[in-house]
């Protein structure tokens, strides 16, 4: 694996830890951060493939992705993306933007 790819994967791993911490332990600023987020989910599935593919991700034939446990999914999934850095850690494009 080349150095850039290794750095990207390390960034993804750190991001996973950051999102878990913000979603479950340090939630005080989440509402204010989410208020800065604009757009809607386009169901691209990129956030479900950060570092490892989520076992609950359902891939439809038309490049649409669904969550097998939607409505019961993890806190970090519910608030993704919380900060612009989250979008930088996916492979692909995200329909969300930030002010």
PDB file of N, CA and C in Angstrom:
ATOM      1  N   UNK A   1       0.864  -1.182   0.000  1.00  0.00           N
ATOM      2  CA  UNK A   1       0.000   0.000   0.000  1.00  0.00           C
ATOM      3  C   UNK A   1       0.903   1.236   0.000  1.00  0.00           C
ATOM      4  N   UNK A   2       0.613   2.201  -0.881  1.00  0.00           N
ATOM      5  CA  UNK A   2       1.462   3.383  -0.936  1.00  0.00           C
ATOM      6  C   UNK A   2       1.223   4.297   0.269  1.00  0.00           C
ATOM      7  N   UNK A   3       2.138   5.230   0.453  1.00  0.00           N
ATOM      8  CA  UNK A   3       2.120   6.107   1.629  1.00  0.00           C
ATOM      9  C   UNK A   3       0.865   6.957   1.700  1.00  0.00           C
ATOM     10  N   UNK A   4       0.418   7.510   0.569  1.00  0.00           N
ATOM     11  CA  UNK A   4      -0.790   8.345   0.571  1.00  0.00           C
ATOM     12  C   UNK A   4      -2.012   7.537   0.973  1.00  0.00           C
ATOM     13  N   UNK A   5      -2.109   6.324   0.469  1.00  0.00           N
ATOM     14  CA  UNK A   5      -3.246   5.458   0.806  1.00  0.00           C
ATOM     15  C   UNK A   5      -3.219   5.096   2.284  1.00  0.00           C
ATOM     16  N   UNK A   6      -2.049   4.837   2.809  1.00  0.00           N
ATOM     17  CA  UNK A   6      -1.900   4.506   4.226  1.00  0.00           C
ATOM     18  C   UNK A   6      -2.293   5.694   5.106  1.00  0.00           C
ATOM     19  N   UNK A   7      -1.899   6.886   4.695  1.00  0.00           N
ATOM     20  CA  UNK A   7      -2.296   8.096   5.445  1.00  0.00           C
ATOM     21  C   UNK A   7      -3.807   8.288   5.413  1.00  0.00           C
ATOM     22  N   UNK A   8      -4.405   8.055   4.244  1.00  0.00           N
ATOM     23  CA  UNK A   8      -5.853   8.190   4.112  1.00  0.00           C
ATOM     24  C   UNK A   8      -6.569   7.195   5.027  1.00  0.00           C
ATOM     25  N   UNK A   9      -6.121   5.961   5.048  1.00  0.00           N
ATOM     26  CA  UNK A   9      -6.718   4.942   5.917  1.00  0.00           C
ATOM     27  C   UNK A   9      -6.545   5.299   7.396  1.00  0.00           C
ATOM     28  N   UNK A  10      -5.392   5.846   7.755  1.00  0.00           N
ATOM     29  CA  UNK A  10      -5.167   6.277   9.137  1.00  0.00           C
ATOM     30  C   UNK A  10      -6.123   7.411   9.492  1.00  0.00           C
ATOM     31  N   UNK A  11      -6.324   8.334   8.550  1.00  0.00           N
ATOM     32  CA  UNK A  11      -7.267   9.433   8.750  1.00  0.00           C
ATOM     33  C   UNK A  11      -8.687   8.898   8.940  1.00  0.00           C
ATOM     34  N   UNK A  12      -9.054   7.889   8.159  1.00  0.00           N
ATOM     35  CA  UNK A  12     -10.376   7.276   8.306  1.00  0.00           C
ATOM     36  C   UNK A  12     -10.530   6.624   9.684  1.00  0.00           C
ATOM     37  N   UNK A  13      -9.504   5.947  10.151  1.00  0.00           N
ATOM     38  CA  UNK A  13      -9.564   5.281  11.462  1.00  0.00           C
ATOM     39  C   UNK A  13      -9.708   6.308  12.580  1.00  0.00           C
ATOM     40  N   UNK A  14      -8.946   7.379  12.501  1.00  0.00           N
ATOM     41  CA  UNK A  14      -9.059   8.448  13.502  1.00  0.00           C
ATOM     42  C   UNK A  14     -10.451   9.071  13.440  1.00  0.00           C
ATOM     43  N   UNK A  15     -10.964   9.258  12.224  1.00  0.00           N
ATOM     44  CA  UNK A  15     -12.307   9.811  12.054  1.00  0.00           C
ATOM     45  C   UNK A  15     -13.383   8.928  12.666  1.00  0.00           C
ATOM     46  N   UNK A  16     -13.240   7.631  12.523  1.00  0.00           N
ATOM     47  CA  UNK A  16     -14.217   6.710  13.133  1.00  0.00           C
ATOM     48  C   UNK A  16     -14.234   6.880  14.647  1.00  0.00           C
ATOM     49  N   UNK A  17     -13.063   6.994  15.244  1.00  0.00           N
ATOM     50  CA  UNK A  17     -12.976   7.204  16.692  1.00  0.00           C
ATOM     51  C   UNK A  17     -13.566   8.558  17.080  1.00  0.00           C
ATOM     52  N   UNK A  18     -13.265   9.597  16.291  1.00  0.00           N
ATOM     53  CA  UNK A  18     -13.796  10.938  16.549  1.00  0.00           C
ATOM     54  C   UNK A  18     -15.329  10.940  16.487  1.00  0.00           C
ATOM     55  N   UNK A  19     -15.859  10.303  15.458  1.00  0.00           N
ATOM     56  CA  UNK A  19     -17.319  10.275  15.321  1.00  0.00           C
ATOM     57  C   UNK A  19     -17.986   9.492  16.447  1.00  0.00           C
ATOM     58  N   UNK A  20     -17.395   8.388  16.840  1.00  0.00           N
ATOM     59  CA  UNK A  20     -17.952   7.619  17.961  1.00  0.00           C
ATOM     60  C   UNK A  20     -17.957   8.469  19.227  1.00  0.00           C
ATOM     61  N   UNK A  21     -16.855   9.142  19.482  1.00  0.00           N
ATOM     62  CA  UNK A  21     -16.743   9.990  20.675  1.00  0.00           C
ATOM     63  C   UNK A  21     -17.781  11.110  20.643  1.00  0.00           C
ATOM     64  N   UNK A  22     -17.885  11.812  19.507  1.00  0.00           N
ATOM     65  CA  UNK A  22     -18.826  12.937  19.402  1.00  0.00           C
ATOM     66  C   UNK A  22     -20.276  12.475  19.449  1.00  0.00           C
ATOM     67  N   UNK A  23     -20.572  11.319  18.916  1.00  0.00           N
ATOM     68  CA  UNK A  23     -21.953  10.836  18.847  1.00  0.00           C
ATOM     69  C   UNK A  23     -22.428  10.229  20.163  1.00  0.00           C
ATOM     70  N   UNK A  24     -21.511   9.724  20.962  1.00  0.00           N
ATOM     71  CA  UNK A  24     -21.923   8.986  22.151  1.00  0.00           C
ATOM     72  C   UNK A  24     -21.450   9.560  23.479  1.00  0.00           C
ATOM     73  N   UNK A  25     -20.359  10.294  23.483  1.00  0.00           N
ATOM     74  CA  UNK A  25     -19.795  10.757  24.749  1.00  0.00           C
ATOM     75  C   UNK A  25     -19.776  12.274  24.898  1.00  0.00           C
ATOM     76  N   UNK A  26     -19.440  12.983  23.856  1.00  0.00           N
ATOM     77  CA  UNK A  26     -19.351  14.441  23.904  1.00  0.00           C
ATOM     78  C   UNK A  26     -20.370  15.030  22.934  1.00  0.00           C
ATOM     79  N   UNK A  27     -21.625  15.020  23.325  1.00  0.00           N
ATOM     80  CA  UNK A  27     -22.713  15.396  22.426  1.00  0.00           C
ATOM     81  C   UNK A  27     -23.163  16.852  22.570  1.00  0.00           C
ATOM     82  N   UNK A  28     -22.540  17.614  23.443  1.00  0.00           N
ATOM     83  CA  UNK A  28     -23.032  18.956  23.770  1.00  0.00           C
ATOM     84  C   UNK A  28     -23.077  19.918  22.584  1.00  0.00           C
ATOM     85  N   UNK A  29     -22.185  19.800  21.633  1.00  0.00           N
ATOM     86  CA  UNK A  29     -22.143  20.730  20.500  1.00  0.00           C
ATOM     87  C   UNK A  29     -22.800  20.181  19.239  1.00  0.00           C
ATOM     88  N   UNK A  30     -23.328  18.979  19.283  1.00  0.00           N
ATOM     89  CA  UNK A  30     -23.819  18.334  18.066  1.00  0.00           C
ATOM     90  C   UNK A  30     -24.947  19.092  17.379  1.00  0.00           C
ATOM     91  N   UNK A  31     -25.889  19.624  18.130  1.00  0.00           N
ATOM     92  CA  UNK A  31     -27.000  20.346  17.501  1.00  0.00           C
ATOM     93  C   UNK A  31     -26.504  21.574  16.749  1.00  0.00           C
ATOM     94  N   UNK A  32     -25.569  22.311  17.352  1.00  0.00           N
ATOM     95  CA  UNK A  32     -25.020  23.505  16.703  1.00  0.00           C
ATOM     96  C   UNK A  32     -24.237  23.119  15.450  1.00  0.00           C
ATOM     97  N   UNK A  33     -23.494  22.033  15.518  1.00  0.00           N
ATOM     98  CA  UNK A  33     -22.733  21.581  14.354  1.00  0.00           C
ATOM     99  C   UNK A  33     -23.661  21.104  13.244  1.00  0.00           C
ATOM    100  N   UNK A  34     -24.704  20.379  13.593  1.00  0.00           N
ATOM    101  CA  UNK A  34     -25.651  19.899  12.587  1.00  0.00           C
ATOM    102  C   UNK A  34     -26.412  21.042  11.924  1.00  0.00           C
ATOM    103  N   UNK A  35     -26.616  22.137  12.655  1.00  0.00           N
ATOM    104  CA  UNK A  35     -27.302  23.298  12.090  1.00  0.00           C
ATOM    105  C   UNK A  35     -26.494  23.924  10.950  1.00  0.00           C
ATOM    106  N   UNK A  36     -25.191  23.674  10.922  1.00  0.00           N
ATOM    107  CA  UNK A  36     -24.327  24.205   9.863  1.00  0.00           C
ATOM    108  C   UNK A  36     -24.306  23.307   8.626  1.00  0.00           C
ATOM    109  N   UNK A  37     -24.856  22.110   8.756  1.00  0.00           N
ATOM    110  CA  UNK A  37     -24.873  21.153   7.650  1.00  0.00           C
ATOM    111  C   UNK A  37     -26.035  21.467   6.721  1.00  0.00           C
ATOM    112  N   UNK A  38     -25.790  21.357   5.421  1.00  0.00           N
ATOM    113  CA  UNK A  38     -26.825  21.616   4.426  1.00  0.00           C
ATOM    114  C   UNK A  38     -26.915  20.438   3.472  1.00  0.00           C
ATOM    115  N   UNK A  39     -28.098  20.208   2.937  1.00  0.00           N
ATOM    116  CA  UNK A  39     -28.298  19.150   1.963  1.00  0.00           C
ATOM    117  C   UNK A  39     -29.034  17.967   2.553  1.00  0.00           C
ATOM    118  N   UNK A  40     -29.163  16.951   1.742  1.00  0.00           N
ATOM    119  CA  UNK A  40     -29.844  15.716   2.141  1.00  0.00           C
ATOM    120  C   UNK A  40     -29.005  14.529   1.704  1.00  0.00           C
ATOM    121  N   UNK A  41     -29.236  13.414   2.336  1.00  0.00           N
ATOM    122  CA  UNK A  41     -28.522  12.190   1.990  1.00  0.00           C
ATOM    123  C   UNK A  41     -28.952  11.736   0.594  1.00  0.00           C
ATOM    124  N   UNK A  42     -27.971  11.401  -0.243  1.00  0.00           N
ATOM    125  CA  UNK A  42     -28.283  10.907  -1.579  1.00  0.00           C
ATOM    126  C   UNK A  42     -28.159   9.383  -1.669  1.00  0.00           C
ATOM    127  N   UNK A  43     -27.992   8.746  -0.523  1.00  0.00           N
ATOM    128  CA  UNK A  43     -27.913   7.283  -0.416  1.00  0.00           C
ATOM    129  C   UNK A  43     -26.810   6.686  -1.293  1.00  0.00           C
ATOM    130  N   UNK A  44     -25.667   7.364  -1.295  1.00  0.00           N
ATOM    131  CA  UNK A  44     -24.541   6.867  -2.093  1.00  0.00           C
ATOM    132  C   UNK A  44     -23.805   5.722  -1.400  1.00  0.00           C
ATOM    133  N   UNK A  45     -23.957   5.609  -0.084  1.00  0.00           N
ATOM    134  CA  UNK A  45     -23.321   4.529   0.665  1.00  0.00           C
ATOM    135  C   UNK A  45     -21.869   4.775   1.015  1.00  0.00           C
ATOM    136  N   UNK A  46     -21.308   5.906   0.603  1.00  0.00           N
ATOM    137  CA  UNK A  46     -19.889   6.173   0.855  1.00  0.00           C
ATOM    138  C   UNK A  46     -19.578   6.221   2.349  1.00  0.00           C
ATOM    139  N   UNK A  47     -20.474   6.781   3.140  1.00  0.00           N
ATOM    140  CA  UNK A  47     -20.223   6.872   4.581  1.00  0.00           C
ATOM    141  C   UNK A  47     -20.296   5.502   5.254  1.00  0.00           C
ATOM    142  N   UNK A  48     -20.918   4.549   4.615  1.00  0.00           N
ATOM    143  CA  UNK A  48     -21.034   3.195   5.158  1.00  0.00           C
ATOM    144  C   UNK A  48     -19.849   2.315   4.751  1.00  0.00           C
ATOM    145  N   UNK A  49     -18.940   2.917   4.004  1.00  0.00           N
ATOM    146  CA  UNK A  49     -17.771   2.170   3.536  1.00  0.00           C
ATOM    147  C   UNK A  49     -16.466   2.811   4.000  1.00  0.00           C
ATOM    148  N   UNK A  50     -16.535   3.618   5.046  1.00  0.00           N
ATOM    149  CA  UNK A  50     -15.330   4.253   5.563  1.00  0.00           C
ATOM    150  C   UNK A  50     -14.506   3.203   6.295  1.00  0.00           C
ATOM    151  N   UNK A  51     -13.321   2.976   5.809  1.00  0.00           N
ATOM    152  CA  UNK A  51     -12.366   2.004   6.335  1.00  0.00           C
ATOM    153  C   UNK A  51     -12.812   0.572   6.077  1.00  0.00           C
ATOM    154  N   UNK A  52     -13.987   0.217   6.538  1.00  0.00           N
ATOM    155  CA  UNK A  52     -14.572  -1.112   6.314  1.00  0.00           C
ATOM    156  C   UNK A  52     -16.025  -0.946   5.894  1.00  0.00           C
ATOM    157  N   UNK A  53     -16.532  -1.852   5.103  1.00  0.00           N
ATOM    158  CA  UNK A  53     -17.937  -1.800   4.701  1.00  0.00           C
ATOM    159  C   UNK A  53     -18.812  -2.234   5.872  1.00  0.00           C
ATOM    160  N   UNK A  54     -19.841  -1.452   6.155  1.00  0.00           N
ATOM    161  CA  UNK A  54     -20.769  -1.764   7.233  1.00  0.00           C
ATOM    162  C   UNK A  54     -21.532  -3.052   6.898  1.00  0.00           C
ATOM    163  N   UNK A  55     -21.641  -3.967   7.847  1.00  0.00           N
ATOM    164  CA  UNK A  55     -22.357  -5.215   7.572  1.00  0.00           C
ATOM    165  C   UNK A  55     -23.862  -5.024   7.377  1.00  0.00           C
ATOM    166  N   UNK A  56     -24.386  -3.854   7.733  1.00  0.00           N
ATOM    167  CA  UNK A  56     -25.817  -3.587   7.586  1.00  0.00           C
ATOM    168  C   UNK A  56     -26.152  -2.851   6.289  1.00  0.00           C
ATOM    169  N   UNK A  57     -25.149  -2.598   5.459  1.00  0.00           N
ATOM    170  CA  UNK A  57     -25.359  -1.890   4.202  1.00  0.00           C
ATOM    171  C   UNK A  57     -25.949  -2.836   3.156  1.00  0.00           C
ATOM    172  N   UNK A  58     -27.066  -2.418   2.572  1.00  0.00           N
ATOM    173  CA  UNK A  58     -27.711  -3.178   1.506  1.00  0.00           C
ATOM    174  C   UNK A  58     -27.460  -2.439   0.200  1.00  0.00           C
ATOM    175  N   UNK A  59     -26.851  -3.119  -0.758  1.00  0.00           N
ATOM    176  CA  UNK A  59     -26.571  -2.508  -2.059  1.00  0.00           C
ATOM    177  C   UNK A  59     -27.651  -2.924  -3.054  1.00  0.00           C
ATOM    178  N   UNK A  60     -28.353  -1.933  -3.585  1.00  0.00           N
ATOM    179  CA  UNK A  60     -29.385  -2.167  -4.591  1.00  0.00           C
ATOM    180  C   UNK A  60     -28.744  -2.149  -5.985  1.00  0.00           C
ATOM    181  N   UNK A  61     -29.360  -2.799  -6.958  1.00  0.00           N
ATOM    182  CA  UNK A  61     -28.783  -2.851  -8.310  1.00  0.00           C
ATOM    183  C   UNK A  61     -28.622  -1.488  -8.983  1.00  0.00           C
ATOM    184  N   UNK A  62     -29.413  -0.504  -8.627  1.00  0.00           N
ATOM    185  CA  UNK A  62     -29.381   0.810  -9.280  1.00  0.00           C
ATOM    186  C   UNK A  62     -28.434   1.798  -8.571  1.00  0.00           C
ATOM    187  N   UNK A  63     -27.403   1.276  -7.906  1.00  0.00           N
ATOM    188  CA  UNK A  63     -26.441   2.091  -7.161  1.00  0.00           C
ATOM    189  C   UNK A  63     -27.077   2.883  -6.029  1.00  0.00           C
ATOM    190  N   UNK A  64     -28.137   2.383  -5.473  1.00  0.00           N
ATOM    191  CA  UNK A  64     -28.765   2.971  -4.299  1.00  0.00           C
ATOM    192  C   UNK A  64     -28.435   2.063  -3.125  1.00  0.00           C
ATOM    193  N   UNK A  65     -28.196   2.676  -1.996  1.00  0.00           N
ATOM    194  CA  UNK A  65     -27.819   1.921  -0.814  1.00  0.00           C
ATOM    195  C   UNK A  65     -28.828   2.169   0.299  1.00  0.00           C
ATOM    196  N   UNK A  66     -29.113   1.142   1.064  1.00  0.00           N
ATOM    197  CA  UNK A  66     -30.043   1.227   2.176  1.00  0.00           C
ATOM    198  C   UNK A  66     -29.399   0.636   3.420  1.00  0.00           C
ATOM    199  N   UNK A  67     -29.903   1.038   4.573  1.00  0.00           N
ATOM    200  CA  UNK A  67     -29.423   0.508   5.848  1.00  0.00           C
ATOM    201  C   UNK A  67     -30.425  -0.533   6.347  1.00  0.00           C
ATOM    202  N   UNK A  68     -29.933  -1.727   6.628  1.00  0.00           N
ATOM    203  CA  UNK A  68     -30.805  -2.808   7.087  1.00  0.00           C
ATOM    204  C   UNK A  68     -31.376  -2.538   8.472  1.00  0.00           C
ATOM    205  N   UNK A  69     -30.757  -1.624   9.230  1.00  0.00           N
ATOM    206  CA  UNK A  69     -31.239  -1.331  10.579  1.00  0.00           C
ATOM    207  C   UNK A  69     -31.624   0.145  10.719  1.00  0.00           C
ATOM    208  N   UNK A  70     -32.006   0.789   9.595  1.00  0.00           N
ATOM    209  CA  UNK A  70     -32.388   2.208   9.632  1.00  0.00           C
ATOM    210  C   UNK A  70     -33.482   2.414  10.666  1.00  0.00           C
ATOM    211  N   UNK A  71     -33.349   3.473  11.445  1.00  0.00           N
ATOM    212  CA  UNK A  71     -34.284   3.742  12.534  1.00  0.00           C
ATOM    213  C   UNK A  71     -33.752   3.185  13.844  1.00  0.00           C
ATOM    214  N   UNK A  72     -32.858   2.230  13.745  1.00  0.00           N
ATOM    215  CA  UNK A  72     -32.213   1.655  14.924  1.00  0.00           C
ATOM    216  C   UNK A  72     -30.699   1.736  14.775  1.00  0.00           C
ATOM    217  N   UNK A  73     -30.248   2.475  13.750  1.00  0.00           N
ATOM    218  CA  UNK A  73     -28.818   2.534  13.462  1.00  0.00           C
ATOM    219  C   UNK A  73     -28.064   3.335  14.525  1.00  0.00           C
ATOM    220  N   UNK A  74     -26.777   3.233  14.485  1.00  0.00           N
ATOM    221  CA  UNK A  74     -25.899   3.792  15.505  1.00  0.00           C
ATOM    222  C   UNK A  74     -25.922   5.313  15.509  1.00  0.00           C
ATOM    223  N   UNK A  75     -25.643   5.896  16.674  1.00  0.00           N
ATOM    224  CA  UNK A  75     -25.655   7.355  16.803  1.00  0.00           C
ATOM    225  C   UNK A  75     -24.734   8.035  15.801  1.00  0.00           C
ATOM    226  N   UNK A  76     -23.539   7.489  15.611  1.00  0.00           N
ATOM    227  CA  UNK A  76     -22.605   8.128  14.685  1.00  0.00           C
ATOM    228  C   UNK A  76     -23.124   8.089  13.252  1.00  0.00           C
ATOM    229  N   UNK A  77     -23.957   7.124  12.927  1.00  0.00           N
ATOM    230  CA  UNK A  77     -24.564   7.078  11.588  1.00  0.00           C
ATOM    231  C   UNK A  77     -25.658   8.132  11.460  1.00  0.00           C
ATOM    232  N   UNK A  78     -26.403   8.328  12.523  1.00  0.00           N
ATOM    233  CA  UNK A  78     -27.510   9.289  12.486  1.00  0.00           C
ATOM    234  C   UNK A  78     -27.035  10.716  12.259  1.00  0.00           C
ATOM    235  N   UNK A  79     -25.866  11.055  12.779  1.00  0.00           N
ATOM    236  CA  UNK A  79     -25.405  12.442  12.689  1.00  0.00           C
ATOM    237  C   UNK A  79     -24.357  12.662  11.601  1.00  0.00           C
ATOM    238  N   UNK A  80     -24.056  11.634  10.809  1.00  0.00           N
ATOM    239  CA  UNK A  80     -23.040  11.787   9.769  1.00  0.00           C
ATOM    240  C   UNK A  80     -23.560  12.628   8.621  1.00  0.00           C
ATOM    241  N   UNK A  81     -22.804  13.563   8.101  1.00  0.00           N
ATOM    242  CA  UNK A  81     -21.549  14.114   8.587  1.00  0.00           C
ATOM    243  C   UNK A  81     -21.807  15.222   9.594  1.00  0.00           C
ATOM    244  N   UNK A  82     -20.996  15.282  10.600  1.00  0.00           N
ATOM    245  CA  UNK A  82     -21.145  16.281  11.657  1.00  0.00           C
ATOM    246  C   UNK A  82     -20.259  17.498  11.409  1.00  0.00           C
ATOM    247  N   UNK A  83     -19.112  17.271  10.832  1.00  0.00           N
ATOM    248  CA  UNK A  83     -18.160  18.351  10.535  1.00  0.00           C
ATOM    249  C   UNK A  83     -17.617  18.142   9.118  1.00  0.00           C
ATOM    250  N   UNK A  84     -17.095  19.177   8.484  1.00  0.00           N
ATOM    251  CA  UNK A  84     -16.565  19.029   7.121  1.00  0.00           C
ATOM    252  C   UNK A  84     -15.494  17.943   6.996  1.00  0.00           C
ATOM    253  N   UNK A  85     -14.709  17.727   8.024  1.00  0.00           N
ATOM    254  CA  UNK A  85     -13.670  16.697   7.986  1.00  0.00           C
ATOM    255  C   UNK A  85     -14.268  15.327   7.687  1.00  0.00           C
ATOM    256  N   UNK A  86     -15.483  15.062   8.153  1.00  0.00           N
ATOM    257  CA  UNK A  86     -16.124  13.767   7.906  1.00  0.00           C
ATOM    258  C   UNK A  86     -16.224  13.473   6.407  1.00  0.00           C
ATOM    259  N   UNK A  87     -16.550  14.476   5.627  1.00  0.00           N
ATOM    260  CA  UNK A  87     -16.719  14.291   4.188  1.00  0.00           C
ATOM    261  C   UNK A  87     -15.380  13.993   3.508  1.00  0.00           C
ATOM    262  N   UNK A  88     -14.305  14.523   4.050  1.00  0.00           N
ATOM    263  CA  UNK A  88     -12.973  14.291   3.477  1.00  0.00           C
ATOM    264  C   UNK A  88     -12.509  12.849   3.676  1.00  0.00           C
ATOM    265  N   UNK A  89     -13.182  12.111   4.544  1.00  0.00           N
ATOM    266  CA  UNK A  89     -12.753  10.756   4.869  1.00  0.00           C
ATOM    267  C   UNK A  89     -13.502   9.677   4.096  1.00  0.00           C
ATOM    268  N   UNK A  90     -14.326  10.083   3.121  1.00  0.00           N
ATOM    269  CA  UNK A  90     -15.022   9.089   2.309  1.00  0.00           C
ATOM    270  C   UNK A  90     -14.352   8.961   0.954  1.00  0.00           C
ATOM    271  N   UNK A  91     -14.597   7.841   0.327  1.00  0.00           N
ATOM    272  CA  UNK A  91     -14.156   7.650  -1.051  1.00  0.00           C
ATOM    273  C   UNK A  91     -15.405   7.821  -1.905  1.00  0.00           C
ATOM    274  N   UNK A  92     -15.474   8.902  -2.609  1.00  0.00           N
ATOM    275  CA  UNK A  92     -16.668   9.233  -3.377  1.00  0.00           C
ATOM    276  C   UNK A  92     -17.114  10.634  -3.048  1.00  0.00           C
ATOM    277  N   UNK A  93     -18.347  10.943  -3.379  1.00  0.00           N
ATOM    278  CA  UNK A  93     -18.870  12.271  -3.117  1.00  0.00           C
ATOM    279  C   UNK A  93     -20.051  12.184  -2.170  1.00  0.00           C
ATOM    280  N   UNK A  94     -20.231  13.232  -1.429  1.00  0.00           N
ATOM    281  CA  UNK A  94     -21.340  13.312  -0.465  1.00  0.00           C
ATOM    282  C   UNK A  94     -22.183  14.523  -0.846  1.00  0.00           C
ATOM    283  N   UNK A  95     -23.485  14.397  -0.731  1.00  0.00           N
ATOM    284  CA  UNK A  95     -24.378  15.494  -1.118  1.00  0.00           C
ATOM    285  C   UNK A  95     -24.507  16.561  -0.029  1.00  0.00           C
ATOM    286  N   UNK A  96     -23.937  16.311   1.139  1.00  0.00           N
ATOM    287  CA  UNK A  96     -23.972  17.315   2.211  1.00  0.00           C
ATOM    288  C   UNK A  96     -22.862  18.334   2.024  1.00  0.00           C
ATOM    289  N   UNK A  97     -23.130  19.553   2.464  1.00  0.00           N
ATOM    290  CA  UNK A  97     -22.132  20.621   2.498  1.00  0.00           C
ATOM    291  C   UNK A  97     -22.254  21.324   3.839  1.00  0.00           C
ATOM    292  N   UNK A  98     -21.315  22.204   4.114  1.00  0.00           N
ATOM    293  CA  UNK A  98     -21.331  22.977   5.357  1.00  0.00           C
ATOM    294  C   UNK A  98     -21.184  24.442   5.041  1.00  0.00           C
ATOM    295  N   UNK A  99     -21.767  25.283   5.908  1.00  0.00           N
ATOM    296  CA  UNK A  99     -21.667  26.750   5.749  1.00  0.00           C
ATOM    297  C   UNK A  99     -20.219  27.158   5.769  1.00  0.00           C
TER     298      UNK A  99
END
